């Protein structure tokens, strides 16, 4: 390997690390101050880069926020795919799905609240690139194609687990997509109820509650 190759390798490594730092700092600021309350100047100051450096890596504040959202969804897609492929019962995998997603909402709840609650940001974000949906809240709207594909894949993985449970006789016959949509609505509603939630639940408690009600219902057999 010659000197030019080594310099290129070091440069790429440095660029990757700088992007990571900027995104990490930006996410903390977005969570603390909200999207509107965070300026590129704030990100530059806290990341200890010049504003010009920030713009070498990202087009604008929306681009930074979009990259953060995409990264979290991409990691979730990888983790949930691993769960879906496990050699366990459909019920066990479904419970793992629920626990993972509830844990994700808890860890990223402030970031998610920003996306769901700041209407001007919603409008900007969903008009980035193409038609699709975002967690089934923004059907017929526009979001980046790769985000749309990842979210569809997560939804399809969950549908696959339910479909396998129907085939094995663990679950009663039903439309897997309807069941997935309902389960998603339950989990989102559980974490975005605002002042209506009168009791605090841990991820484990919430997983048990949602799993038991979703799988068994509340009607006495």
N, C-alpha and C. Protein backbone atom coordinates (compact mmCIF):
# COMPACT_ATOMS: atom_id res chain seq x y z
N UNK A 1 0.85 -1.20 0.00
CA UNK A 1 0.00 0.00 0.00
C UNK A 1 0.88 1.25 0.00
N UNK A 2 0.68 2.15 -0.95
CA UNK A 2 1.52 3.34 -1.05
C UNK A 2 1.01 4.46 -0.15
N UNK A 3 1.76 5.59 -0.12
CA UNK A 3 1.42 6.71 0.76
C UNK A 3 0.07 7.33 0.40
N UNK A 4 -0.25 7.36 -0.91
CA UNK A 4 -1.52 7.95 -1.35
C UNK A 4 -2.70 7.14 -0.81
N UNK A 5 -2.57 5.81 -0.86
CA UNK A 5 -3.63 4.94 -0.36
C UNK A 5 -3.83 5.14 1.14
N UNK A 6 -2.72 5.28 1.87
CA UNK A 6 -2.80 5.48 3.31
C UNK A 6 -3.45 6.82 3.65
N UNK A 7 -3.11 7.85 2.90
CA UNK A 7 -3.71 9.17 3.14
C UNK A 7 -5.21 9.13 2.87
N UNK A 8 -5.59 8.44 1.80
CA UNK A 8 -7.02 8.32 1.46
C UNK A 8 -7.76 7.56 2.55
N UNK A 9 -7.15 6.50 3.03
CA UNK A 9 -7.76 5.70 4.08
C UNK A 9 -7.95 6.52 5.35
N UNK A 10 -6.91 7.30 5.72
CA UNK A 10 -7.01 8.13 6.92
C UNK A 10 -8.06 9.21 6.76
N UNK A 11 -8.14 9.78 5.55
CA UNK A 11 -9.12 10.83 5.27
C UNK A 11 -10.55 10.30 5.39
N UNK A 12 -10.79 9.12 4.82
CA UNK A 12 -12.12 8.52 4.89
C UNK A 12 -12.50 8.17 6.32
N UNK A 13 -11.53 7.68 7.08
CA UNK A 13 -11.78 7.34 8.47
C UNK A 13 -12.12 8.59 9.27
N UNK A 14 -11.41 9.68 8.99
CA UNK A 14 -11.64 10.93 9.70
C UNK A 14 -13.02 11.50 9.35
N UNK A 15 -13.40 11.41 8.08
CA UNK A 15 -14.71 11.90 7.65
C UNK A 15 -15.84 11.11 8.32
N UNK A 16 -15.67 9.80 8.40
CA UNK A 16 -16.67 8.95 9.03
C UNK A 16 -16.82 9.30 10.50
N UNK A 17 -15.70 9.51 11.18
CA UNK A 17 -15.73 9.85 12.60
C UNK A 17 -16.35 11.23 12.82
N UNK A 18 -16.04 12.18 11.95
CA UNK A 18 -16.62 13.51 12.08
C UNK A 18 -18.14 13.49 11.91
N UNK A 19 -18.60 12.71 10.94
CA UNK A 19 -20.06 12.58 10.73
C UNK A 19 -20.72 11.97 11.96
N UNK A 20 -20.08 10.95 12.52
CA UNK A 20 -20.64 10.29 13.70
C UNK A 20 -20.76 11.29 14.85
N UNK A 21 -19.74 12.08 15.07
CA UNK A 21 -19.75 13.05 16.16
C UNK A 21 -20.86 14.08 15.95
N UNK A 22 -20.97 14.59 14.74
CA UNK A 22 -21.99 15.60 14.43
C UNK A 22 -23.39 15.05 14.68
N UNK A 23 -23.64 13.84 14.20
CA UNK A 23 -24.97 13.24 14.37
C UNK A 23 -25.27 12.94 15.84
N UNK A 24 -24.27 12.49 16.57
CA UNK A 24 -24.45 12.19 17.99
C UNK A 24 -24.78 13.45 18.78
N UNK A 25 -24.05 14.52 18.51
CA UNK A 25 -24.29 15.80 19.18
C UNK A 25 -25.65 16.37 18.79
N UNK A 26 -25.95 16.31 17.50
CA UNK A 26 -27.22 16.85 17.00
C UNK A 26 -28.41 16.14 17.62
N UNK A 27 -28.35 14.82 17.75
CA UNK A 27 -29.47 14.07 18.33
C UNK A 27 -29.72 14.52 19.77
N UNK A 28 -28.67 14.70 20.54
CA UNK A 28 -28.82 15.15 21.92
C UNK A 28 -29.46 16.54 21.98
N UNK A 29 -29.07 17.42 21.06
CA UNK A 29 -29.63 18.77 21.03
C UNK A 29 -31.09 18.75 20.60
N UNK A 30 -31.41 17.93 19.60
CA UNK A 30 -32.80 17.83 19.14
C UNK A 30 -33.70 17.34 20.28
N UNK A 31 -33.21 16.35 21.02
CA UNK A 31 -33.98 15.80 22.14
C UNK A 31 -34.17 16.85 23.23
N UNK A 32 -33.12 17.61 23.50
CA UNK A 32 -33.16 18.60 24.58
C UNK A 32 -33.92 19.86 24.21
N UNK A 33 -33.71 20.36 23.00
CA UNK A 33 -34.25 21.67 22.62
C UNK A 33 -35.34 21.62 21.56
N UNK A 34 -35.58 20.43 20.98
CA UNK A 34 -36.54 20.33 19.90
C UNK A 34 -35.90 20.69 18.57
N UNK A 35 -36.63 20.41 17.48
CA UNK A 35 -36.09 20.69 16.15
C UNK A 35 -36.00 22.19 15.90
N UNK A 36 -37.07 22.89 16.18
CA UNK A 36 -37.10 24.33 15.94
C UNK A 36 -36.14 25.09 16.85
N UNK A 37 -35.94 24.56 18.06
CA UNK A 37 -35.07 25.24 19.01
C UNK A 37 -33.60 24.99 18.81
N UNK A 38 -33.27 24.10 17.88
CA UNK A 38 -31.87 23.77 17.61
C UNK A 38 -31.42 24.39 16.29
N UNK A 39 -30.34 25.12 16.32
CA UNK A 39 -29.79 25.74 15.12
C UNK A 39 -28.51 25.03 14.72
N UNK A 40 -28.13 25.16 13.47
CA UNK A 40 -26.87 24.57 13.00
C UNK A 40 -25.71 25.15 13.79
N UNK A 41 -25.82 26.42 14.18
CA UNK A 41 -24.78 27.04 15.01
C UNK A 41 -24.61 26.29 16.33
N UNK A 42 -25.73 25.85 16.92
CA UNK A 42 -25.68 25.10 18.18
C UNK A 42 -24.96 23.77 17.98
N UNK A 43 -25.28 23.12 16.88
CA UNK A 43 -24.65 21.82 16.58
C UNK A 43 -23.15 21.99 16.37
N UNK A 44 -22.78 23.03 15.62
CA UNK A 44 -21.36 23.29 15.36
C UNK A 44 -20.61 23.58 16.65
N UNK A 45 -21.21 24.41 17.49
CA UNK A 45 -20.55 24.78 18.75
C UNK A 45 -20.36 23.58 19.66
N UNK A 46 -21.40 22.76 19.81
CA UNK A 46 -21.32 21.62 20.71
C UNK A 46 -20.45 20.49 20.16
N UNK A 47 -20.40 20.37 18.85
CA UNK A 47 -19.54 19.35 18.22
C UNK A 47 -18.11 19.83 18.07
N UNK A 48 -17.90 21.13 18.34
CA UNK A 48 -16.58 21.76 18.24
C UNK A 48 -16.04 21.71 16.81
N UNK A 49 -16.93 22.02 15.88
CA UNK A 49 -16.57 22.18 14.48
C UNK A 49 -17.03 23.57 14.04
N UNK A 50 -16.46 24.05 12.95
CA UNK A 50 -16.96 25.30 12.39
C UNK A 50 -18.28 25.01 11.67
N UNK A 51 -19.07 26.05 11.48
CA UNK A 51 -20.34 25.89 10.78
C UNK A 51 -20.08 25.43 9.34
N UNK A 52 -19.00 25.94 8.75
CA UNK A 52 -18.64 25.54 7.38
C UNK A 52 -18.34 24.05 7.30
N UNK A 53 -17.73 23.51 8.35
CA UNK A 53 -17.43 22.07 8.38
C UNK A 53 -18.72 21.26 8.42
N UNK A 54 -19.69 21.73 9.21
CA UNK A 54 -20.98 21.04 9.28
C UNK A 54 -21.59 20.94 7.89
N UNK A 55 -21.52 22.04 7.14
CA UNK A 55 -22.13 22.07 5.81
C UNK A 55 -21.32 21.27 4.78
N UNK A 56 -20.12 20.88 5.11
CA UNK A 56 -19.38 19.99 4.21
C UNK A 56 -19.91 18.56 4.29
N UNK A 57 -20.53 18.25 5.41
CA UNK A 57 -21.04 16.90 5.63
C UNK A 57 -22.55 16.79 5.41
N UNK A 58 -23.27 17.88 5.64
CA UNK A 58 -24.73 17.86 5.55
C UNK A 58 -25.24 19.11 4.85
N UNK A 59 -26.36 18.96 4.12
CA UNK A 59 -26.91 20.08 3.37
C UNK A 59 -27.49 21.15 4.29
N UNK A 60 -28.21 20.72 5.32
CA UNK A 60 -28.87 21.65 6.22
C UNK A 60 -29.32 20.90 7.48
N UNK A 61 -30.04 21.58 8.34
CA UNK A 61 -30.51 20.97 9.59
C UNK A 61 -31.45 19.79 9.33
N UNK A 62 -32.32 19.94 8.35
CA UNK A 62 -33.25 18.85 8.03
C UNK A 62 -32.50 17.61 7.58
N UNK A 63 -31.44 17.80 6.82
CA UNK A 63 -30.61 16.68 6.37
C UNK A 63 -30.01 15.95 7.57
N UNK A 64 -29.55 16.71 8.55
CA UNK A 64 -28.98 16.11 9.76
C UNK A 64 -30.03 15.28 10.50
N UNK A 65 -31.21 15.88 10.68
CA UNK A 65 -32.29 15.19 11.39
C UNK A 65 -32.71 13.93 10.63
N UNK A 66 -32.81 14.03 9.32
CA UNK A 66 -33.21 12.89 8.49
C UNK A 66 -32.22 11.75 8.61
N UNK A 67 -30.91 12.08 8.62
CA UNK A 67 -29.88 11.05 8.75
C UNK A 67 -29.97 10.34 10.10
N UNK A 68 -30.31 11.08 11.15
CA UNK A 68 -30.46 10.49 12.48
C UNK A 68 -31.62 9.51 12.48
N UNK A 69 -32.76 9.92 11.94
CA UNK A 69 -33.94 9.06 11.88
C UNK A 69 -33.65 7.82 11.04
N UNK A 70 -33.00 8.00 9.91
CA UNK A 70 -32.69 6.87 9.03
C UNK A 70 -31.78 5.86 9.72
N UNK A 71 -30.79 6.36 10.47
CA UNK A 71 -29.85 5.47 11.15
C UNK A 71 -30.55 4.62 12.20
N UNK A 72 -31.48 5.23 12.96
CA UNK A 72 -32.18 4.48 14.00
C UNK A 72 -33.11 3.43 13.38
N UNK A 73 -33.75 3.78 12.28
CA UNK A 73 -34.65 2.83 11.62
C UNK A 73 -33.85 1.69 10.99
N UNK A 74 -32.70 2.02 10.43
CA UNK A 74 -31.85 0.99 9.80
C UNK A 74 -31.40 -0.03 10.85
N UNK A 75 -30.99 0.45 12.03
CA UNK A 75 -30.55 -0.47 13.08
C UNK A 75 -31.72 -1.33 13.56
N UNK A 76 -32.89 -0.72 13.67
CA UNK A 76 -34.08 -1.47 14.09
C UNK A 76 -34.41 -2.56 13.08
N UNK A 77 -34.29 -2.23 11.80
CA UNK A 77 -34.57 -3.21 10.76
C UNK A 77 -33.65 -4.43 10.90
N UNK A 78 -32.38 -4.20 11.14
CA UNK A 78 -31.42 -5.29 11.29
C UNK A 78 -31.74 -6.15 12.51
N UNK A 79 -32.02 -5.49 13.63
CA UNK A 79 -32.30 -6.22 14.87
C UNK A 79 -33.58 -7.03 14.77
N UNK A 80 -34.63 -6.44 14.20
CA UNK A 80 -35.92 -7.13 14.10
C UNK A 80 -35.87 -8.28 13.09
N UNK A 81 -35.05 -8.14 12.06
CA UNK A 81 -34.87 -9.22 11.09
C UNK A 81 -34.25 -10.44 11.78
N UNK A 82 -33.29 -10.20 12.68
CA UNK A 82 -32.66 -11.29 13.44
C UNK A 82 -33.69 -12.00 14.30
N UNK A 83 -34.57 -11.22 14.92
CA UNK A 83 -35.61 -11.82 15.77
C UNK A 83 -36.55 -12.68 14.92
N UNK A 84 -36.94 -12.15 13.76
CA UNK A 84 -37.88 -12.87 12.89
C UNK A 84 -37.31 -14.20 12.41
N UNK A 85 -35.99 -14.29 12.30
CA UNK A 85 -35.35 -15.50 11.77
C UNK A 85 -34.99 -16.51 12.85
N UNK A 86 -35.28 -16.19 14.10
CA UNK A 86 -34.94 -17.11 15.20
C UNK A 86 -35.74 -18.40 15.09
N UNK A 87 -35.15 -19.47 15.57
CA UNK A 87 -35.81 -20.78 15.53
C UNK A 87 -36.59 -21.01 16.82
N UNK A 88 -37.56 -20.11 17.06
CA UNK A 88 -38.40 -20.21 18.25
C UNK A 88 -39.86 -20.13 17.79
N UNK A 89 -40.78 -20.28 18.72
CA UNK A 89 -42.19 -20.24 18.35
C UNK A 89 -42.58 -18.85 17.88
N UNK A 90 -43.67 -18.78 17.15
CA UNK A 90 -44.14 -17.48 16.66
C UNK A 90 -44.53 -16.57 17.82
N UNK A 91 -45.10 -17.16 18.86
CA UNK A 91 -45.48 -16.35 20.03
C UNK A 91 -44.26 -15.74 20.71
N UNK A 92 -43.20 -16.52 20.85
CA UNK A 92 -41.98 -16.00 21.48
C UNK A 92 -41.36 -14.88 20.65
N UNK A 93 -41.35 -15.08 19.33
CA UNK A 93 -40.79 -14.05 18.45
C UNK A 93 -41.65 -12.79 18.44
N UNK A 94 -42.97 -12.98 18.51
CA UNK A 94 -43.88 -11.84 18.54
C UNK A 94 -43.66 -11.02 19.82
N UNK A 95 -43.48 -11.71 20.94
CA UNK A 95 -43.20 -11.01 22.20
C UNK A 95 -41.88 -10.26 22.13
N UNK A 96 -40.88 -10.86 21.47
CA UNK A 96 -39.59 -10.18 21.31
C UNK A 96 -39.73 -8.93 20.45
N UNK A 97 -40.55 -9.04 19.40
CA UNK A 97 -40.84 -7.88 18.54
C UNK A 97 -41.43 -6.75 19.39
N UNK A 98 -42.44 -7.10 20.18
CA UNK A 98 -43.12 -6.10 20.99
C UNK A 98 -42.15 -5.47 21.99
N UNK A 99 -41.34 -6.30 22.64
CA UNK A 99 -40.39 -5.79 23.63
C UNK A 99 -39.36 -4.87 22.97
N UNK A 100 -38.88 -5.28 21.82
CA UNK A 100 -37.88 -4.46 21.12
C UNK A 100 -38.46 -3.10 20.74
N UNK A 101 -39.64 -3.11 20.14
CA UNK A 101 -40.24 -1.86 19.67
C UNK A 101 -40.60 -0.94 20.83
N UNK A 102 -41.11 -1.51 21.92
CA UNK A 102 -41.41 -0.69 23.09
C UNK A 102 -40.13 -0.11 23.68
N UNK A 103 -39.07 -0.91 23.69
CA UNK A 103 -37.77 -0.42 24.16
C UNK A 103 -37.23 0.69 23.27
N UNK A 104 -37.45 0.53 21.97
CA UNK A 104 -37.03 1.55 21.00
C UNK A 104 -37.77 2.86 21.25
N UNK A 105 -39.09 2.76 21.44
CA UNK A 105 -39.89 3.96 21.70
C UNK A 105 -39.41 4.65 22.97
N UNK A 106 -39.07 3.84 23.99
CA UNK A 106 -38.64 4.43 25.26
C UNK A 106 -37.30 5.14 25.11
N UNK A 107 -36.36 4.50 24.42
CA UNK A 107 -35.04 5.10 24.23
C UNK A 107 -35.08 6.33 23.33
N UNK A 108 -35.96 6.27 22.33
CA UNK A 108 -36.01 7.35 21.35
C UNK A 108 -37.29 8.18 21.45
N UNK A 109 -37.97 8.10 22.60
CA UNK A 109 -39.29 8.72 22.70
C UNK A 109 -39.26 10.22 22.44
N UNK A 110 -38.24 10.91 22.93
CA UNK A 110 -38.19 12.36 22.72
C UNK A 110 -37.94 12.70 21.25
N UNK A 111 -37.10 11.90 20.61
CA UNK A 111 -36.86 12.11 19.18
C UNK A 111 -38.12 11.84 18.38
N UNK A 112 -38.82 10.78 18.75
CA UNK A 112 -40.07 10.44 18.06
C UNK A 112 -41.13 11.51 18.29
N UNK A 113 -41.19 12.03 19.52
CA UNK A 113 -42.16 13.08 19.81
C UNK A 113 -41.92 14.32 18.96
N UNK A 114 -40.65 14.63 18.73
CA UNK A 114 -40.32 15.77 17.88
C UNK A 114 -40.91 15.57 16.50
N UNK A 115 -40.71 14.36 15.95
CA UNK A 115 -41.19 14.08 14.60
C UNK A 115 -42.70 14.11 14.52
N UNK A 116 -43.37 13.57 15.56
CA UNK A 116 -44.82 13.48 15.53
C UNK A 116 -45.52 14.78 15.93
N UNK A 117 -44.87 15.59 16.79
CA UNK A 117 -45.55 16.74 17.36
C UNK A 117 -45.25 18.07 16.65
N UNK A 118 -44.07 18.21 16.07
CA UNK A 118 -43.73 19.48 15.42
C UNK A 118 -44.23 19.46 13.99
N UNK A 119 -45.37 20.06 13.75
CA UNK A 119 -46.07 19.95 12.47
C UNK A 119 -45.25 20.47 11.29
N UNK A 120 -44.50 21.55 11.51
CA UNK A 120 -43.71 22.07 10.40
C UNK A 120 -42.61 21.09 10.00
N UNK A 121 -42.08 20.35 10.99
CA UNK A 121 -41.06 19.35 10.69
C UNK A 121 -41.67 18.17 9.96
N UNK A 122 -42.86 17.75 10.38
CA UNK A 122 -43.55 16.65 9.70
C UNK A 122 -43.70 16.98 8.21
N UNK A 123 -44.15 18.21 7.94
CA UNK A 123 -44.37 18.61 6.56
C UNK A 123 -43.07 18.57 5.76
N UNK A 124 -41.99 19.05 6.37
CA UNK A 124 -40.70 19.04 5.68
C UNK A 124 -40.20 17.63 5.46
N UNK A 125 -40.30 16.82 6.51
CA UNK A 125 -39.74 15.47 6.45
C UNK A 125 -40.46 14.59 5.45
N UNK A 126 -41.80 14.64 5.46
CA UNK A 126 -42.54 13.73 4.59
C UNK A 126 -42.53 14.18 3.14
N UNK A 127 -42.02 15.36 2.84
CA UNK A 127 -41.96 15.82 1.46
C UNK A 127 -40.55 15.76 0.89
N UNK A 128 -39.69 14.98 1.56
CA UNK A 128 -38.29 14.92 1.13
C UNK A 128 -38.13 14.34 -0.26
N UNK A 129 -38.80 13.19 -0.52
CA UNK A 129 -38.46 12.55 -1.79
C UNK A 129 -39.57 11.83 -2.52
N UNK A 130 -40.31 10.93 -1.87
CA UNK A 130 -41.22 10.09 -2.65
C UNK A 130 -42.46 9.71 -1.87
N UNK A 131 -43.43 9.09 -2.58
CA UNK A 131 -44.64 8.63 -1.91
C UNK A 131 -44.37 7.39 -1.09
N UNK A 132 -45.06 7.28 0.06
CA UNK A 132 -44.87 6.12 0.92
C UNK A 132 -45.61 6.32 2.23
N UNK A 133 -45.07 5.74 3.31
CA UNK A 133 -45.69 5.94 4.61
C UNK A 133 -44.63 5.90 5.69
N UNK A 134 -44.92 6.52 6.81
CA UNK A 134 -43.99 6.52 7.93
C UNK A 134 -44.73 5.96 9.13
N UNK A 135 -44.44 4.71 9.48
CA UNK A 135 -45.11 4.04 10.57
C UNK A 135 -46.63 4.12 10.43
N UNK A 136 -47.10 4.14 9.18
CA UNK A 136 -48.53 4.16 8.84
C UNK A 136 -49.22 5.44 9.30
N UNK A 137 -48.47 6.48 9.60
CA UNK A 137 -49.07 7.76 9.95
C UNK A 137 -49.17 8.67 8.73
N UNK A 138 -48.28 8.48 7.77
CA UNK A 138 -48.18 9.43 6.68
C UNK A 138 -48.37 8.78 5.32
N UNK A 139 -49.37 7.92 5.19
CA UNK A 139 -49.61 7.29 3.90
C UNK A 139 -49.89 8.34 2.84
N UNK A 140 -49.45 8.03 1.61
CA UNK A 140 -49.62 8.90 0.45
C UNK A 140 -48.71 10.13 0.52
N UNK A 141 -47.87 10.22 1.55
CA UNK A 141 -46.95 11.35 1.66
C UNK A 141 -45.62 10.95 1.06
N UNK A 142 -44.63 11.85 1.21
CA UNK A 142 -43.33 11.59 0.62
C UNK A 142 -42.24 11.51 1.68
N UNK A 143 -41.46 10.43 1.64
CA UNK A 143 -40.31 10.29 2.51
C UNK A 143 -39.19 9.66 1.67
N UNK A 144 -37.94 9.67 2.17
CA UNK A 144 -36.85 9.06 1.40
C UNK A 144 -37.13 7.61 1.08
N UNK A 145 -36.81 7.22 -0.12
CA UNK A 145 -37.13 5.86 -0.59
C UNK A 145 -36.55 4.79 0.30
N UNK A 146 -35.28 4.96 0.73
CA UNK A 146 -34.68 3.90 1.54
C UNK A 146 -35.35 3.77 2.90
N UNK A 147 -35.84 4.87 3.47
CA UNK A 147 -36.57 4.80 4.74
C UNK A 147 -37.89 4.05 4.52
N UNK A 148 -38.56 4.38 3.44
CA UNK A 148 -39.82 3.72 3.10
C UNK A 148 -39.62 2.21 2.97
N UNK A 149 -38.56 1.81 2.29
CA UNK A 149 -38.27 0.39 2.09
C UNK A 149 -37.98 -0.30 3.42
N UNK A 150 -37.20 0.36 4.30
CA UNK A 150 -36.86 -0.24 5.59
C UNK A 150 -38.10 -0.43 6.47
N UNK A 151 -38.98 0.58 6.50
CA UNK A 151 -40.19 0.49 7.31
C UNK A 151 -41.11 -0.60 6.77
N UNK A 152 -41.23 -0.68 5.45
CA UNK A 152 -42.03 -1.76 4.85
C UNK A 152 -41.48 -3.12 5.22
N UNK A 153 -40.14 -3.23 5.25
CA UNK A 153 -39.51 -4.51 5.57
C UNK A 153 -39.80 -4.90 7.01
N UNK A 154 -39.74 -3.93 7.95
CA UNK A 154 -40.06 -4.21 9.35
C UNK A 154 -41.50 -4.70 9.47
N UNK A 155 -42.40 -4.01 8.79
CA UNK A 155 -43.82 -4.39 8.82
C UNK A 155 -44.01 -5.79 8.26
N UNK A 156 -43.33 -6.09 7.16
CA UNK A 156 -43.46 -7.39 6.52
C UNK A 156 -42.86 -8.52 7.36
N UNK A 157 -41.78 -8.20 8.09
CA UNK A 157 -41.18 -9.21 8.97
C UNK A 157 -42.15 -9.59 10.08
N UNK A 158 -42.83 -8.59 10.63
CA UNK A 158 -43.82 -8.85 11.67
C UNK A 158 -45.00 -9.65 11.11
N UNK A 159 -45.44 -9.28 9.92
CA UNK A 159 -46.53 -10.02 9.26
C UNK A 159 -46.14 -11.48 9.04
N UNK A 160 -44.88 -11.68 8.68
CA UNK A 160 -44.39 -13.03 8.42
C UNK A 160 -44.46 -13.88 9.68
N UNK A 161 -44.07 -13.30 10.83
CA UNK A 161 -44.12 -14.03 12.09
C UNK A 161 -45.56 -14.43 12.41
N UNK A 162 -46.49 -13.51 12.24
CA UNK A 162 -47.91 -13.79 12.52
C UNK A 162 -48.44 -14.84 11.53
N UNK A 163 -48.05 -14.72 10.27
CA UNK A 163 -48.49 -15.68 9.25
C UNK A 163 -47.98 -17.09 9.58
N UNK A 164 -46.73 -17.18 10.04
CA UNK A 164 -46.18 -18.48 10.42
C UNK A 164 -46.91 -19.06 11.62
N UNK A 165 -47.31 -18.16 12.54
CA UNK A 165 -48.08 -18.61 13.71
C UNK A 165 -49.44 -19.14 13.32
N UNK A 166 -50.03 -18.55 12.29
CA UNK A 166 -51.33 -19.03 11.79
C UNK A 166 -51.16 -20.40 11.14
N UNK A 167 -50.09 -20.53 10.36
CA UNK A 167 -49.83 -21.80 9.67
C UNK A 167 -49.54 -22.94 10.65
N UNK A 168 -48.85 -22.61 11.75
CA UNK A 168 -48.49 -23.64 12.73
C UNK A 168 -49.63 -23.96 13.69
N UNK A 169 -50.69 -23.17 13.63
CA UNK A 169 -51.83 -23.39 14.52
C UNK A 169 -51.73 -22.66 15.85
N UNK A 170 -50.67 -21.85 16.03
CA UNK A 170 -50.52 -21.08 17.28
C UNK A 170 -51.56 -19.95 17.34
N UNK A 171 -51.82 -19.33 16.20
CA UNK A 171 -52.76 -18.22 16.14
C UNK A 171 -53.97 -18.61 15.29
N UNK A 172 -55.11 -18.01 15.57
CA UNK A 172 -56.29 -18.29 14.77
C UNK A 172 -56.17 -17.63 13.40
N UNK A 173 -56.95 -18.08 12.44
CA UNK A 173 -56.89 -17.54 11.09
C UNK A 173 -57.39 -16.10 11.06
N UNK A 174 -56.64 -15.25 10.37
CA UNK A 174 -56.97 -13.83 10.24
C UNK A 174 -56.06 -13.24 9.19
N UNK A 175 -56.30 -12.01 8.82
CA UNK A 175 -55.43 -11.33 7.87
C UNK A 175 -54.19 -10.85 8.63
N UNK A 176 -52.99 -11.36 8.32
CA UNK A 176 -51.78 -10.97 9.04
C UNK A 176 -51.52 -9.46 8.99
N UNK A 177 -51.84 -8.83 7.86
CA UNK A 177 -51.60 -7.39 7.74
C UNK A 177 -52.52 -6.59 8.66
N UNK A 178 -53.76 -7.04 8.79
CA UNK A 178 -54.67 -6.37 9.71
C UNK A 178 -54.16 -6.50 11.14
N UNK A 179 -53.69 -7.69 11.49
CA UNK A 179 -53.18 -7.94 12.84
C UNK A 179 -51.94 -7.08 13.11
N UNK A 180 -51.04 -6.98 12.12
CA UNK A 180 -49.82 -6.17 12.27
C UNK A 180 -50.16 -4.70 12.43
N UNK A 181 -51.10 -4.23 11.64
CA UNK A 181 -51.50 -2.83 11.71
C UNK A 181 -52.08 -2.51 13.08
N UNK A 182 -52.93 -3.40 13.59
CA UNK A 182 -53.54 -3.20 14.90
C UNK A 182 -52.48 -3.22 16.00
N UNK A 183 -51.56 -4.18 15.93
CA UNK A 183 -50.51 -4.27 16.94
C UNK A 183 -49.64 -3.02 16.94
N UNK A 184 -49.31 -2.53 15.75
CA UNK A 184 -48.52 -1.30 15.65
C UNK A 184 -49.24 -0.12 16.27
N UNK A 185 -50.55 -0.04 16.02
CA UNK A 185 -51.35 1.06 16.57
C UNK A 185 -51.39 0.99 18.10
N UNK A 186 -51.49 -0.23 18.63
CA UNK A 186 -51.52 -0.41 20.08
C UNK A 186 -50.20 0.06 20.70
N UNK A 187 -49.09 -0.35 20.11
CA UNK A 187 -47.78 0.01 20.66
C UNK A 187 -47.52 1.51 20.57
N UNK A 188 -47.88 2.12 19.44
CA UNK A 188 -47.67 3.57 19.32
C UNK A 188 -48.55 4.31 20.31
N UNK A 189 -49.80 3.90 20.39
CA UNK A 189 -50.72 4.56 21.31
C UNK A 189 -50.30 4.43 22.75
N UNK A 190 -49.67 3.30 23.07
CA UNK A 190 -49.23 3.06 24.43
C UNK A 190 -48.21 4.10 24.89
N UNK A 191 -47.35 4.52 23.95
CA UNK A 191 -46.29 5.47 24.31
C UNK A 191 -46.61 6.92 23.98
N UNK A 192 -47.67 7.16 23.23
CA UNK A 192 -47.97 8.54 22.85
C UNK A 192 -49.36 8.96 23.31
N UNK A 193 -49.72 8.51 24.54
CA UNK A 193 -51.04 8.84 25.08
C UNK A 193 -51.05 10.16 25.83
N UNK A 194 -49.86 10.71 26.09
CA UNK A 194 -49.78 11.99 26.79
C UNK A 194 -50.30 11.88 28.21
N UNK A 195 -51.22 12.76 28.59
CA UNK A 195 -51.70 12.82 29.96
C UNK A 195 -52.69 11.72 30.29
N UNK A 196 -53.12 10.95 29.31
CA UNK A 196 -54.11 9.90 29.57
C UNK A 196 -53.52 8.69 30.27
N UNK A 197 -52.19 8.55 30.21
CA UNK A 197 -51.57 7.37 30.83
C UNK A 197 -51.42 7.62 32.32
N UNK A 198 -52.18 6.89 33.13
CA UNK A 198 -52.22 7.13 34.57
C UNK A 198 -51.24 6.24 35.33
N UNK A 199 -50.66 5.27 34.66
CA UNK A 199 -49.72 4.36 35.31
C UNK A 199 -48.45 4.25 34.49
N UNK A 200 -47.32 4.18 35.17
CA UNK A 200 -46.04 4.03 34.50
C UNK A 200 -45.71 2.55 34.36
N UNK A 201 -45.30 2.15 33.18
CA UNK A 201 -44.96 0.76 32.93
C UNK A 201 -43.50 0.64 32.49
N UNK A 202 -42.82 -0.38 32.98
CA UNK A 202 -41.50 -0.69 32.45
C UNK A 202 -41.69 -1.36 31.09
N UNK A 203 -40.61 -1.51 30.34
CA UNK A 203 -40.71 -2.17 29.03
C UNK A 203 -41.21 -3.59 29.20
N UNK A 204 -40.72 -4.27 30.24
CA UNK A 204 -41.13 -5.66 30.48
C UNK A 204 -42.62 -5.74 30.83
N UNK A 205 -43.08 -4.82 31.69
CA UNK A 205 -44.49 -4.81 32.07
C UNK A 205 -45.38 -4.49 30.87
N UNK A 206 -44.95 -3.53 30.07
CA UNK A 206 -45.73 -3.15 28.88
C UNK A 206 -45.77 -4.30 27.88
N UNK A 207 -44.64 -5.00 27.74
CA UNK A 207 -44.58 -6.14 26.82
C UNK A 207 -45.57 -7.22 27.25
N UNK A 208 -45.58 -7.53 28.54
CA UNK A 208 -46.51 -8.55 29.05
C UNK A 208 -47.96 -8.12 28.83
N UNK A 209 -48.26 -6.87 29.15
CA UNK A 209 -49.62 -6.38 29.03
C UNK A 209 -50.11 -6.43 27.58
N UNK A 210 -49.33 -5.86 26.68
CA UNK A 210 -49.73 -5.81 25.27
C UNK A 210 -49.77 -7.22 24.67
N UNK A 211 -48.78 -8.03 24.98
CA UNK A 211 -48.73 -9.40 24.44
C UNK A 211 -49.95 -10.20 24.89
N UNK A 212 -50.25 -10.13 26.17
CA UNK A 212 -51.36 -10.92 26.71
C UNK A 212 -52.71 -10.48 26.15
N UNK A 213 -52.92 -9.17 26.09
CA UNK A 213 -54.19 -8.67 25.57
C UNK A 213 -54.30 -8.92 24.08
N UNK A 214 -53.20 -8.68 23.35
CA UNK A 214 -53.24 -8.88 21.90
C UNK A 214 -53.42 -10.35 21.54
N UNK A 215 -52.71 -11.23 22.23
CA UNK A 215 -52.76 -12.66 21.90
C UNK A 215 -54.01 -13.35 22.43
N UNK A 216 -54.45 -12.95 23.62
CA UNK A 216 -55.56 -13.64 24.26
C UNK A 216 -56.87 -12.89 24.23
N UNK A 217 -56.80 -11.58 24.01
CA UNK A 217 -58.01 -10.77 24.04
C UNK A 217 -58.52 -10.59 25.46
N UNK A 218 -59.67 -9.96 25.62
CA UNK A 218 -60.22 -9.77 26.96
C UNK A 218 -61.58 -10.47 27.12
N UNK A 219 -62.03 -11.10 26.06
CA UNK A 219 -63.31 -11.80 26.13
C UNK A 219 -63.12 -13.16 26.82
N UNK A 220 -63.98 -13.45 27.76
CA UNK A 220 -63.89 -14.72 28.47
C UNK A 220 -64.26 -15.87 27.56
N UNK A 221 -63.41 -16.90 27.44
CA UNK A 221 -63.71 -18.02 26.54
C UNK A 221 -64.91 -18.83 27.00
